[in-house]
Amino acid sequence: PRTGNYDVYMWWYAGSNRCNNVFVRIVGQDDDTVFISQQGSGSAWHFLGTFPFDEGSSGYVGLHDQTATDGSVVIADAVMWIYAGALEVSEKILQNDRLKILAYPNPFNSSCTIVISENGRAEIYDLRGNLVWESSSNSYRSEQLVSADNLSGEMKKIIWHPDNIPSGIYLVRTVSDGTTVSKRIIYVK
């Protein structure tokens, strides 16, 4: 939709006959090539890198079986582009200064600390919109916080340990008094 940098991901289903050296061509403002292994992985979004694209439909991601050995299969089910630049705001949006999210480390691999407003609740969704986790009253502790991210006052500190979910991008959402705030987090096993 706009010129800028995009995080590019590819999805494929796992299989024992997959190629371990797949040629992937990423054509945007540049013509880049990456090689990926599809052996032992699949059924998840795989990050290929961040690449510059022009507005419109001239850019693409393609793959080729030229590096496949006899009997190995090259497969791709979907490609996803996520705009990685700053979004322009055409209108002034009123924000609830007390409703914020802090998540660290991000990306993470075994646990992610999520800090939200005391009166909010945390929910985590996958990119398909499926709820994968939500906070309960015993999943956090309240504490007085003051930080560089303008989080202050009584806040909930939650440590999330993903269980039986694939690597990928997830959305942390907090809702309070009819206001919703979301933050993207990346889980890497």
Foldseek 3Di string as FASTA:
>chain_A
DAWAKWWKWFADAADQQAFQWKWKWWDAVDTDIDTHGRHPDHPAIGTPGIDTHHPDDPIDMDIDCPVGDPRHDYDTDDMDIGGPDDDDDPDDDDDDLQFDWDWPDFADEFKIKIKGHPQKWKWKAAPVGHTQDTDDPPQWDWDADDDPVSHGDIITIGIDGDDPDDWAKMKIWIDHPRDIDIDIGTYDD
